[in-house]
Amino acid sequence: QLVESGGGLVQAGGSLRLSCAASRSIFSINAANWYRQAP
């Protein structure tokens, strides 16, 4: 129900923009967060 995009490989100092699109079944978003997990 959430689809993330925009990741990939970048050099240090570079930029990326991640997107998280909610499906129709999610009526509205109150709040949102991003988390990360390294190995």
PDB file of all heavy atoms in Angstrom:
ATOM      1  N   GLN A   1       0.812  -1.205   0.000  1.00  0.00           N
ATOM      2  CA  GLN A   1       0.000   0.000   0.000  1.00  0.00           C
ATOM      3  C   GLN A   1       0.852   1.265   0.000  1.00  0.00           C
ATOM      4  O   GLN A   1       0.328   2.364  -0.173  1.00  0.00           O
ATOM      5  CB  GLN A   1      -0.924  -0.004   1.203  1.00  0.00           C
ATOM      6  CG  GLN A   1      -1.765  -1.269   1.241  1.00  0.00           C
ATOM      7  CD  GLN A   1      -2.956  -1.113   2.158  1.00  0.00           C
ATOM      8  OE1 GLN A   1      -3.680  -0.149   2.053  1.00  0.00           O
ATOM      9  NE2 GLN A   1      -3.139  -2.071   3.041  1.00  0.00           N
ATOM     10  N   LEU A   2       2.160   1.108   0.261  1.00  0.00           N
ATOM     11  CA  LEU A   2       3.110   2.201   0.128  1.00  0.00           C
ATOM     12  C   LEU A   2       4.173   1.758  -0.853  1.00  0.00           C
ATOM     13  O   LEU A   2       4.718   0.664  -0.722  1.00  0.00           O
ATOM     14  CB  LEU A   2       3.757   2.550   1.466  1.00  0.00           C
ATOM     15  CG  LEU A   2       2.864   3.101   2.570  1.00  0.00           C
ATOM     16  CD1 LEU A   2       3.687   3.344   3.821  1.00  0.00           C
ATOM     17  CD2 LEU A   2       2.176   4.376   2.129  1.00  0.00           C
ATOM     18  N   VAL A   3       4.500   2.597  -1.796  1.00  0.00           N
ATOM     19  CA  VAL A   3       5.514   2.266  -2.786  1.00  0.00           C
ATOM     20  C   VAL A   3       6.599   3.316  -2.746  1.00  0.00           C
ATOM     21  O   VAL A   3       6.337   4.502  -2.987  1.00  0.00           O
ATOM     22  CB  VAL A   3       4.917   2.181  -4.203  1.00  0.00           C
ATOM     23  CG1 VAL A   3       6.013   1.872  -5.213  1.00  0.00           C
ATOM     24  CG2 VAL A   3       3.830   1.117  -4.254  1.00  0.00           C
ATOM     25  N   GLU A   4       7.794   2.879  -2.408  1.00  0.00           N
ATOM     26  CA  GLU A   4       8.938   3.788  -2.338  1.00  0.00           C
ATOM     27  C   GLU A   4       9.696   3.762  -3.652  1.00  0.00           C
ATOM     28  O   GLU A   4       9.773   2.730  -4.332  1.00  0.00           O
ATOM     29  CB  GLU A   4       9.870   3.373  -1.197  1.00  0.00           C
ATOM     30  CG  GLU A   4       9.255   3.480   0.176  1.00  0.00           C
ATOM     31  CD  GLU A   4       9.455   2.237   1.012  1.00  0.00           C
ATOM     32  OE1 GLU A   4       9.490   1.138   0.424  1.00  0.00           O
ATOM     33  OE2 GLU A   4       9.547   2.360   2.249  1.00  0.00           O
ATOM     34  N   SER A   5      10.279   4.879  -4.001  1.00  0.00           N
ATOM     35  CA  SER A   5      11.088   4.971  -5.213  1.00  0.00           C
ATOM     36  C   SER A   5      12.145   6.044  -5.013  1.00  0.00           C
ATOM     37  O   SER A   5      12.076   6.834  -4.064  1.00  0.00           O
ATOM     38  CB  SER A   5      10.209   5.299  -6.425  1.00  0.00           C
ATOM     39  OG  SER A   5       9.561   6.546  -6.248  1.00  0.00           O
ATOM     40  N   GLY A   6      13.112   6.061  -5.920  1.00  0.00           N
ATOM     41  CA  GLY A   6      14.124   7.105  -5.908  1.00  0.00           C
ATOM     42  C   GLY A   6      15.456   6.709  -5.308  1.00  0.00           C
ATOM     43  O   GLY A   6      16.394   7.512  -5.288  1.00  0.00           O
ATOM     44  N   GLY A   7      15.564   5.504  -4.822  1.00  0.00           N
ATOM     45  CA  GLY A   7      16.838   5.071  -4.258  1.00  0.00           C
ATOM     46  C   GLY A   7      17.852   4.759  -5.342  1.00  0.00           C
ATOM     47  O   GLY A   7      17.577   4.896  -6.532  1.00  0.00           O
ATOM     48  N   GLY A   8      19.038   4.344  -4.906  1.00  0.00           N
ATOM     49  CA  GLY A   8      20.062   3.994  -5.872  1.00  0.00           C
ATOM     50  C   GLY A   8      21.443   4.258  -5.345  1.00  0.00           C
ATOM     51  O   GLY A   8      21.658   4.353  -4.134  1.00  0.00           O
ATOM     52  N   LEU A   9      22.379   4.374  -6.268  1.00  0.00           N
ATOM     53  CA  LEU A   9      23.787   4.588  -5.947  1.00  0.00           C
ATOM     54  C   LEU A   9      24.173   6.029  -6.242  1.00  0.00           C
ATOM     55  O   LEU A   9      23.863   6.553  -7.321  1.00  0.00           O
ATOM     56  CB  LEU A   9      24.649   3.636  -6.776  1.00  0.00           C
ATOM     57  CG  LEU A   9      26.165   3.815  -6.700  1.00  0.00           C
ATOM     58  CD1 LEU A   9      26.666   3.533  -5.284  1.00  0.00           C
ATOM     59  CD2 LEU A   9      26.856   2.918  -7.719  1.00  0.00           C
ATOM     60  N   VAL A  10      24.851   6.646  -5.291  1.00  0.00           N
ATOM     61  CA  VAL A  10      25.298   8.022  -5.470  1.00  0.00           C
ATOM     62  C   VAL A  10      26.653   8.172  -4.804  1.00  0.00           C
ATOM     63  O   VAL A  10      26.972   7.466  -3.844  1.00  0.00           O
ATOM     64  CB  VAL A  10      24.257   9.006  -4.869  1.00  0.00           C
ATOM     65  CG1 VAL A  10      24.142   8.834  -3.359  1.00  0.00           C
ATOM     66  CG2 VAL A  10      24.567  10.442  -5.235  1.00  0.00           C
ATOM     67  N   GLN A  11      27.450   9.097  -5.297  1.00  0.00           N
ATOM     68  CA  GLN A  11      28.738   9.369  -4.675  1.00  0.00           C
ATOM     69  C   GLN A  11      28.564  10.238  -3.434  1.00  0.00           C
ATOM     70  O   GLN A  11      27.591  11.015  -3.344  1.00  0.00           O
ATOM     71  CB  GLN A  11      29.668  10.072  -5.652  1.00  0.00           C
ATOM     72  CG  GLN A  11      30.252   9.150  -6.722  1.00  0.00           C
ATOM     73  CD  GLN A  11      31.371   9.818  -7.496  1.00  0.00           C
ATOM     74  OE1 GLN A  11      31.336  11.026  -7.720  1.00  0.00           O
ATOM     75  NE2 GLN A  11      32.350   9.035  -7.910  1.00  0.00           N
ATOM     76  N   ALA A  12      29.487  10.120  -2.530  1.00  0.00           N
ATOM     77  CA  ALA A  12      29.463  10.956  -1.334  1.00  0.00           C
ATOM     78  C   ALA A  12      29.411  12.424  -1.753  1.00  0.00           C
ATOM     79  O   ALA A  12      30.110  12.841  -2.681  1.00  0.00           O
ATOM     80  CB  ALA A  12      30.681  10.689  -0.475  1.00  0.00           C
ATOM     81  N   GLY A  13      28.568  13.180  -1.069  1.00  0.00           N
ATOM     82  CA  GLY A  13      28.360  14.581  -1.411  1.00  0.00           C
ATOM     83  C   GLY A  13      27.193  14.808  -2.355  1.00  0.00           C
ATOM     84  O   GLY A  13      26.770  15.948  -2.555  1.00  0.00           O
ATOM     85  N   GLY A  14      26.688  13.733  -2.916  1.00  0.00           N
ATOM     86  CA  GLY A  14      25.582  13.836  -3.859  1.00  0.00           C
ATOM     87  C   GLY A  14      24.227  13.880  -3.178  1.00  0.00           C
ATOM     88  O   GLY A  14      24.127  13.936  -1.945  1.00  0.00           O
ATOM     89  N   SER A  15      23.188  13.842  -4.014  1.00  0.00           N
ATOM     90  CA  SER A  15      21.818  13.957  -3.514  1.00  0.00           C
ATOM     91  C   SER A  15      20.927  12.888  -4.120  1.00  0.00           C
ATOM     92  O   SER A  15      21.171  12.403  -5.236  1.00  0.00           O
ATOM     93  CB  SER A  15      21.237  15.336  -3.879  1.00  0.00           C
ATOM     94  OG  SER A  15      21.980  16.382  -3.294  1.00  0.00           O
ATOM     95  N   LEU A  16      19.906  12.544  -3.375  1.00  0.00           N
ATOM     96  CA  LEU A  16      18.843  11.671  -3.850  1.00  0.00           C
ATOM     97  C   LEU A  16      17.527  12.168  -3.270  1.00  0.00           C
ATOM     98  O   LEU A  16      17.521  12.749  -2.168  1.00  0.00           O
ATOM     99  CB  LEU A  16      19.062  10.220  -3.412  1.00  0.00           C
ATOM    100  CG  LEU A  16      20.104   9.376  -4.134  1.00  0.00           C
ATOM    101  CD1 LEU A  16      20.246   8.024  -3.427  1.00  0.00           C
ATOM    102  CD2 LEU A  16      19.730   9.164  -5.594  1.00  0.00           C
ATOM    103  N   ARG A  17      16.438  11.917  -3.980  1.00  0.00           N
ATOM    104  CA  ARG A  17      15.121  12.203  -3.421  1.00  0.00           C
ATOM    105  C   ARG A  17      14.291  10.926  -3.434  1.00  0.00           C
ATOM    106  O   ARG A  17      14.038  10.346  -4.498  1.00  0.00           O
ATOM    107  CB  ARG A  17      14.393  13.298  -4.202  1.00  0.00           C
ATOM    108  CG  ARG A  17      13.108  13.723  -3.492  1.00  0.00           C
ATOM    109  CD  ARG A  17      12.405  14.871  -4.163  1.00  0.00           C
ATOM    110  NE  ARG A  17      11.555  14.434  -5.256  1.00  0.00           N
ATOM    111  CZ  ARG A  17      10.463  15.077  -5.655  1.00  0.00           C
ATOM    112  NH1 ARG A  17      10.091  16.174  -5.049  1.00  0.00           N
ATOM    113  NH2 ARG A  17       9.763  14.631  -6.673  1.00  0.00           N
ATOM    114  N   LEU A  18      13.891  10.499  -2.264  1.00  0.00           N
ATOM    115  CA  LEU A  18      13.026   9.334  -2.129  1.00  0.00           C
ATOM    116  C   LEU A  18      11.569   9.772  -2.152  1.00  0.00           C
ATOM    117  O   LEU A  18      11.225  10.836  -1.632  1.00  0.00           O
ATOM    118  CB  LEU A  18      13.326   8.588  -0.831  1.00  0.00           C
ATOM    119  CG  LEU A  18      14.767   8.135  -0.600  1.00  0.00           C
ATOM    120  CD1 LEU A  18      14.861   7.358   0.707  1.00  0.00           C
ATOM    121  CD2 LEU A  18      15.280   7.315  -1.762  1.00  0.00           C
ATOM    122  N   SER A  19      10.747   8.933  -2.742  1.00  0.00           N
ATOM    123  CA  SER A  19       9.308   9.178  -2.756  1.00  0.00           C
ATOM    124  C   SER A  19       8.588   7.992  -2.147  1.00  0.00           C
ATOM    125  O   SER A  19       9.044   6.847  -2.265  1.00  0.00           O
ATOM    126  CB  SER A  19       8.806   9.383  -4.183  1.00  0.00           C
ATOM    127  OG  SER A  19       9.399  10.504  -4.784  1.00  0.00           O
ATOM    128  N   CYS A  20       7.468   8.258  -1.519  1.00  0.00           N
ATOM    129  CA  CYS A  20       6.641   7.207  -0.920  1.00  0.00           C
ATOM    130  C   CYS A  20       5.194   7.512  -1.292  1.00  0.00           C
ATOM    131  O   CYS A  20       4.604   8.455  -0.767  1.00  0.00           O
ATOM    132  CB  CYS A  20       6.829   7.208   0.586  1.00  0.00           C
ATOM    133  SG  CYS A  20       5.705   6.112   1.496  1.00  0.00           S
ATOM    134  N   ALA A  21       4.652   6.739  -2.192  1.00  0.00           N
ATOM    135  CA  ALA A  21       3.298   6.976  -2.686  1.00  0.00           C
ATOM    136  C   ALA A  21       2.326   6.009  -2.029  1.00  0.00           C
ATOM    137  O   ALA A  21       2.545   4.792  -2.010  1.00  0.00           O
ATOM    138  CB  ALA A  21       3.263   6.798  -4.196  1.00  0.00           C
ATOM    139  N   ALA A  22       1.246   6.560  -1.495  1.00  0.00           N
ATOM    140  CA  ALA A  22       0.222   5.744  -0.835  1.00  0.00           C
ATOM    141  C   ALA A  22      -0.860   5.343  -1.826  1.00  0.00           C
ATOM    142  O   ALA A  22      -1.251   6.131  -2.685  1.00  0.00           O
ATOM    143  CB  ALA A  22      -0.385   6.520   0.318  1.00  0.00           C
ATOM    144  N   SER A  23      -1.338   4.135  -1.679  1.00  0.00           N
ATOM    145  CA  SER A  23      -2.375   3.637  -2.587  1.00  0.00           C
ATOM    146  C   SER A  23      -3.734   4.236  -2.250  1.00  0.00           C
ATOM    147  O   SER A  23      -3.897   4.908  -1.230  1.00  0.00           O
ATOM    148  CB  SER A  23      -2.450   2.111  -2.487  1.00  0.00           C
ATOM    149  OG  SER A  23      -2.919   1.735  -1.202  1.00  0.00           O
ATOM    150  N   ARG A  24      -4.710   3.966  -3.112  1.00  0.00           N
ATOM    151  CA  ARG A  24      -6.060   4.501  -2.922  1.00  0.00           C
ATOM    152  C   ARG A  24      -6.678   4.056  -1.609  1.00  0.00           C
ATOM    153  O   ARG A  24      -7.499   4.763  -1.033  1.00  0.00           O
ATOM    154  CB  ARG A  24      -6.962   4.041  -4.068  1.00  0.00           C
ATOM    155  CG  ARG A  24      -6.658   4.666  -5.402  1.00  0.00           C
ATOM    156  CD  ARG A  24      -7.648   4.193  -6.428  1.00  0.00           C
ATOM    157  NE  ARG A  24      -7.394   4.752  -7.748  1.00  0.00           N
ATOM    158  CZ  ARG A  24      -8.137   4.499  -8.802  1.00  0.00           C
ATOM    159  NH1 ARG A  24      -9.167   3.687  -8.710  1.00  0.00           N
ATOM    160  NH2 ARG A  24      -7.849   5.052  -9.957  1.00  0.00           N
ATOM    161  N   SER A  25      -6.268   2.884  -1.131  1.00  0.00           N
ATOM    162  CA  SER A  25      -6.877   2.355   0.090  1.00  0.00           C
ATOM    163  C   SER A  25      -6.491   3.160   1.326  1.00  0.00           C
ATOM    164  O   SER A  25      -7.145   3.051   2.365  1.00  0.00           O
ATOM    165  CB  SER A  25      -6.469   0.894   0.280  1.00  0.00           C
ATOM    166  OG  SER A  25      -5.077   0.795   0.432  1.00  0.00           O
ATOM    167  N   ILE A  26      -5.463   3.969   1.203  1.00  0.00           N
ATOM    168  CA  ILE A  26      -5.083   4.858   2.305  1.00  0.00           C
ATOM    169  C   ILE A  26      -5.761   6.196   2.041  1.00  0.00           C
ATOM    170  O   ILE A  26      -5.376   6.927   1.127  1.00  0.00           O
ATOM    171  CB  ILE A  26      -3.556   5.009   2.403  1.00  0.00           C
ATOM    172  CG1 ILE A  26      -2.930   3.655   2.737  1.00  0.00           C
ATOM    173  CG2 ILE A  26      -3.193   6.049   3.453  1.00  0.00           C
ATOM    174  CD1 ILE A  26      -1.423   3.649   2.756  1.00  0.00           C
ATOM    175  N   PHE A  27      -6.768   6.496   2.831  1.00  0.00           N
ATOM    176  CA  PHE A  27      -7.620   7.654   2.548  1.00  0.00           C
ATOM    177  C   PHE A  27      -6.868   8.970   2.726  1.00  0.00           C
ATOM    178  O   PHE A  27      -6.911   9.854   1.881  1.00  0.00           O
ATOM    179  CB  PHE A  27      -8.853   7.622   3.437  1.00  0.00           C
ATOM    180  CG  PHE A  27      -9.808   8.744   3.165  1.00  0.00           C
ATOM    181  CD1 PHE A  27     -10.510   8.805   1.976  1.00  0.00           C
ATOM    182  CD2 PHE A  27     -10.005   9.751   4.098  1.00  0.00           C
ATOM    183  CE1 PHE A  27     -11.389   9.850   1.710  1.00  0.00           C
ATOM    184  CE2 PHE A  27     -10.878  10.795   3.845  1.00  0.00           C
ATOM    185  CZ  PHE A  27     -11.573  10.836   2.646  1.00  0.00           C
ATOM    186  N   SER A  28      -6.189   9.099   3.843  1.00  0.00           N
ATOM    187  CA  SER A  28      -5.433  10.337   4.073  1.00  0.00           C
ATOM    188  C   SER A  28      -4.284  10.050   5.030  1.00  0.00           C
ATOM    189  O   SER A  28      -4.336   9.114   5.828  1.00  0.00           O
ATOM    190  CB  SER A  28      -6.337  11.432   4.632  1.00  0.00           C
ATOM    191  OG  SER A  28      -6.800  11.085   5.914  1.00  0.00           O
ATOM    192  N   ILE A  29      -3.289  10.878   4.943  1.00  0.00           N
ATOM    193  CA  ILE A  29      -2.087  10.708   5.761  1.00  0.00           C
ATOM    194  C   ILE A  29      -2.097  11.750   6.877  1.00  0.00           C
ATOM    195  O   ILE A  29      -2.157  12.947   6.611  1.00  0.00           O
ATOM    196  CB  ILE A  29      -0.821  10.868   4.904  1.00  0.00           C
ATOM    197  CG1 ILE A  29      -0.783   9.784   3.817  1.00  0.00           C
ATOM    198  CG2 ILE A  29       0.417  10.802   5.780  1.00  0.00           C
ATOM    199  CD1 ILE A  29       0.336   9.983   2.809  1.00  0.00           C
ATOM    200  N   ASN A  30      -2.044  11.296   8.119  1.00  0.00           N
ATOM    201  CA  ASN A  30      -1.939  12.229   9.232  1.00  0.00           C
ATOM    202  C   ASN A  30      -0.496  12.683   9.432  1.00  0.00           C
ATOM    203  O   ASN A  30      -0.189  13.863   9.450  1.00  0.00           O
ATOM    204  CB  ASN A  30      -2.456  11.588  10.517  1.00  0.00           C
ATOM    205  CG  ASN A  30      -3.963  11.473  10.529  1.00  0.00           C
ATOM    206  OD1 ASN A  30      -4.653  12.080   9.695  1.00  0.00           O
ATOM    207  ND2 ASN A  30      -4.495  10.695  11.444  1.00  0.00           N
ATOM    208  N   ALA A  31       0.368  11.736   9.583  1.00  0.00           N
ATOM    209  CA  ALA A  31       1.785  12.026   9.788  1.00  0.00           C
ATOM    210  C   ALA A  31       2.597  10.976   9.028  1.00  0.00           C
ATOM    211  O   ALA A  31       2.059   9.943   8.601  1.00  0.00           O
ATOM    212  CB  ALA A  31       2.135  11.993  11.268  1.00  0.00           C
ATOM    213  N   ALA A  32       3.874  11.249   8.863  1.00  0.00           N
ATOM    214  CA  ALA A  32       4.719  10.303   8.147  1.00  0.00           C
ATOM    215  C   ALA A  32       6.141  10.380   8.671  1.00  0.00           C
ATOM    216  O   ALA A  32       6.565  11.419   9.208  1.00  0.00           O
ATOM    217  CB  ALA A  32       4.683  10.582   6.648  1.00  0.00           C
ATOM    218  N   ASN A  33       6.847   9.302   8.493  1.00  0.00           N
ATOM    219  CA  ASN A  33       8.238   9.233   8.924  1.00  0.00           C
ATOM    220  C   ASN A  33       9.056   8.463   7.902  1.00  0.00           C
ATOM    221  O   ASN A  33       8.515   7.656   7.139  1.00  0.00           O
ATOM    222  CB  ASN A  33       8.349   8.490  10.263  1.00  0.00           C
ATOM    223  CG  ASN A  33       7.597   9.155  11.371  1.00  0.00           C
ATOM    224  OD1 ASN A  33       8.054  10.125  11.964  1.00  0.00           O
ATOM    225  ND2 ASN A  33       6.399   8.650  11.676  1.00  0.00           N
ATOM    226  N   TRP A  34      10.330   8.702   7.926  1.00  0.00           N
ATOM    227  CA  TRP A  34      11.284   7.870   7.211  1.00  0.00           C
ATOM    228  C   TRP A  34      12.227   7.256   8.248  1.00  0.00           C
ATOM    229  O   TRP A  34      12.664   7.935   9.180  1.00  0.00           O
ATOM    230  CB  TRP A  34      12.090   8.684   6.207  1.00  0.00           C
ATOM    231  CG  TRP A  34      11.339   9.062   4.971  1.00  0.00           C
ATOM    232  CD1 TRP A  34      10.659  10.226   4.753  1.00  0.00           C
ATOM    233  CD2 TRP A  34      11.196   8.286   3.773  1.00  0.00           C
ATOM    234  NE1 TRP A  34      10.101  10.222   3.500  1.00  0.00           N
ATOM    235  CE2 TRP A  34      10.424   9.040   2.870  1.00  0.00           C
ATOM    236  CE3 TRP A  34      11.653   7.031   3.366  1.00  0.00           C
ATOM    237  CZ2 TRP A  34      10.090   8.579   1.599  1.00  0.00           C
ATOM    238  CZ3 TRP A  34      11.324   6.571   2.104  1.00  0.00           C
ATOM    239  CH2 TRP A  34      10.553   7.340   1.230  1.00  0.00           C
ATOM    240  N   TYR A  35      12.526   5.991   8.037  1.00  0.00           N
ATOM    241  CA  TYR A  35      13.488   5.274   8.857  1.00  0.00           C
ATOM    242  C   TYR A  35      14.530   4.662   7.929  1.00  0.00           C
ATOM    243  O   TYR A  35      14.332   4.564   6.716  1.00  0.00           O
ATOM    244  CB  TYR A  35      12.803   4.138   9.626  1.00  0.00           C
ATOM    245  CG  TYR A  35      11.874   4.571  10.718  1.00  0.00           C
ATOM    246  CD1 TYR A  35      10.594   5.040  10.433  1.00  0.00           C
ATOM    247  CD2 TYR A  35      12.263   4.507  12.058  1.00  0.00           C
ATOM    248  CE1 TYR A  35       9.725   5.430  11.449  1.00  0.00           C
ATOM    249  CE2 TYR A  35      11.407   4.890  13.072  1.00  0.00           C
ATOM    250  CZ  TYR A  35      10.139   5.347  12.757  1.00  0.00           C
ATOM    251  OH  TYR A  35       9.294   5.727  13.767  1.00  0.00           O
ATOM    252  N   ARG A  36      15.622   4.229   8.517  1.00  0.00           N
ATOM    253  CA  ARG A  36      16.619   3.510   7.735  1.00  0.00           C
ATOM    254  C   ARG A  36      17.240   2.413   8.577  1.00  0.00           C
ATOM    255  O   ARG A  36      17.253   2.489   9.803  1.00  0.00           O
ATOM    256  CB  ARG A  36      17.702   4.448   7.216  1.00  0.00           C
ATOM    257  CG  ARG A  36      18.604   5.037   8.288  1.00  0.00           C
ATOM    258  CD  ARG A  36      19.557   6.055   7.675  1.00  0.00           C
ATOM    259  NE  ARG A  36      20.441   6.652   8.671  1.00  0.00           N
ATOM    260  CZ  ARG A  36      21.250   7.688   8.416  1.00  0.00           C
ATOM    261  NH1 ARG A  36      21.265   8.234   7.206  1.00  0.00           N
ATOM    262  NH2 ARG A  36      22.027   8.151   9.369  1.00  0.00           N
ATOM    263  N   GLN A  37      17.734   1.409   7.890  1.00  0.00           N
ATOM    264  CA  GLN A  37      18.400   0.313   8.580  1.00  0.00           C
ATOM    265  C   GLN A  37      19.610  -0.126   7.785  1.00  0.00           C
ATOM    266  O   GLN A  37      19.489  -0.552   6.628  1.00  0.00           O
ATOM    267  CB  GLN A  37      17.441  -0.859   8.772  1.00  0.00           C
ATOM    268  CG  GLN A  37      18.000  -1.954   9.657  1.00  0.00           C
ATOM    269  CD  GLN A  37      16.941  -2.937  10.119  1.00  0.00           C
ATOM    270  OE1 GLN A  37      15.865  -3.030   9.532  1.00  0.00           O
ATOM    271  NE2 GLN A  37      17.229  -3.653  11.184  1.00  0.00           N
ATOM    272  N   ALA A  38      20.759   0.001   8.408  1.00  0.00           N
ATOM    273  CA  ALA A  38      22.008  -0.452   7.809  1.00  0.00           C
ATOM    274  C   ALA A  38      22.263  -1.896   8.230  1.00  0.00           C
ATOM    275  O   ALA A  38      21.751  -2.345   9.258  1.00  0.00           O
ATOM    276  CB  ALA A  38      23.154   0.448   8.250  1.00  0.00           C
ATOM    277  N   PRO A  39      23.053  -2.630   7.449  1.00  0.00           N
ATOM    278  CA  PRO A  39      23.324  -4.036   7.790  1.00  0.00           C
ATOM    279  C   PRO A  39      23.893  -4.179   9.190  1.00  0.00           C
ATOM    280  O   PRO A  39      24.827  -3.465   9.576  1.00  0.00           O
ATOM    281  CB  PRO A  39      24.351  -4.443   6.730  1.00  0.00           C
ATOM    282  CG  PRO A  39      24.089  -3.548   5.581  1.00  0.00           C
ATOM    283  CD  PRO A  39      23.675  -2.236   6.174  1.00  0.00           C
TER     284      PRO A  39
END
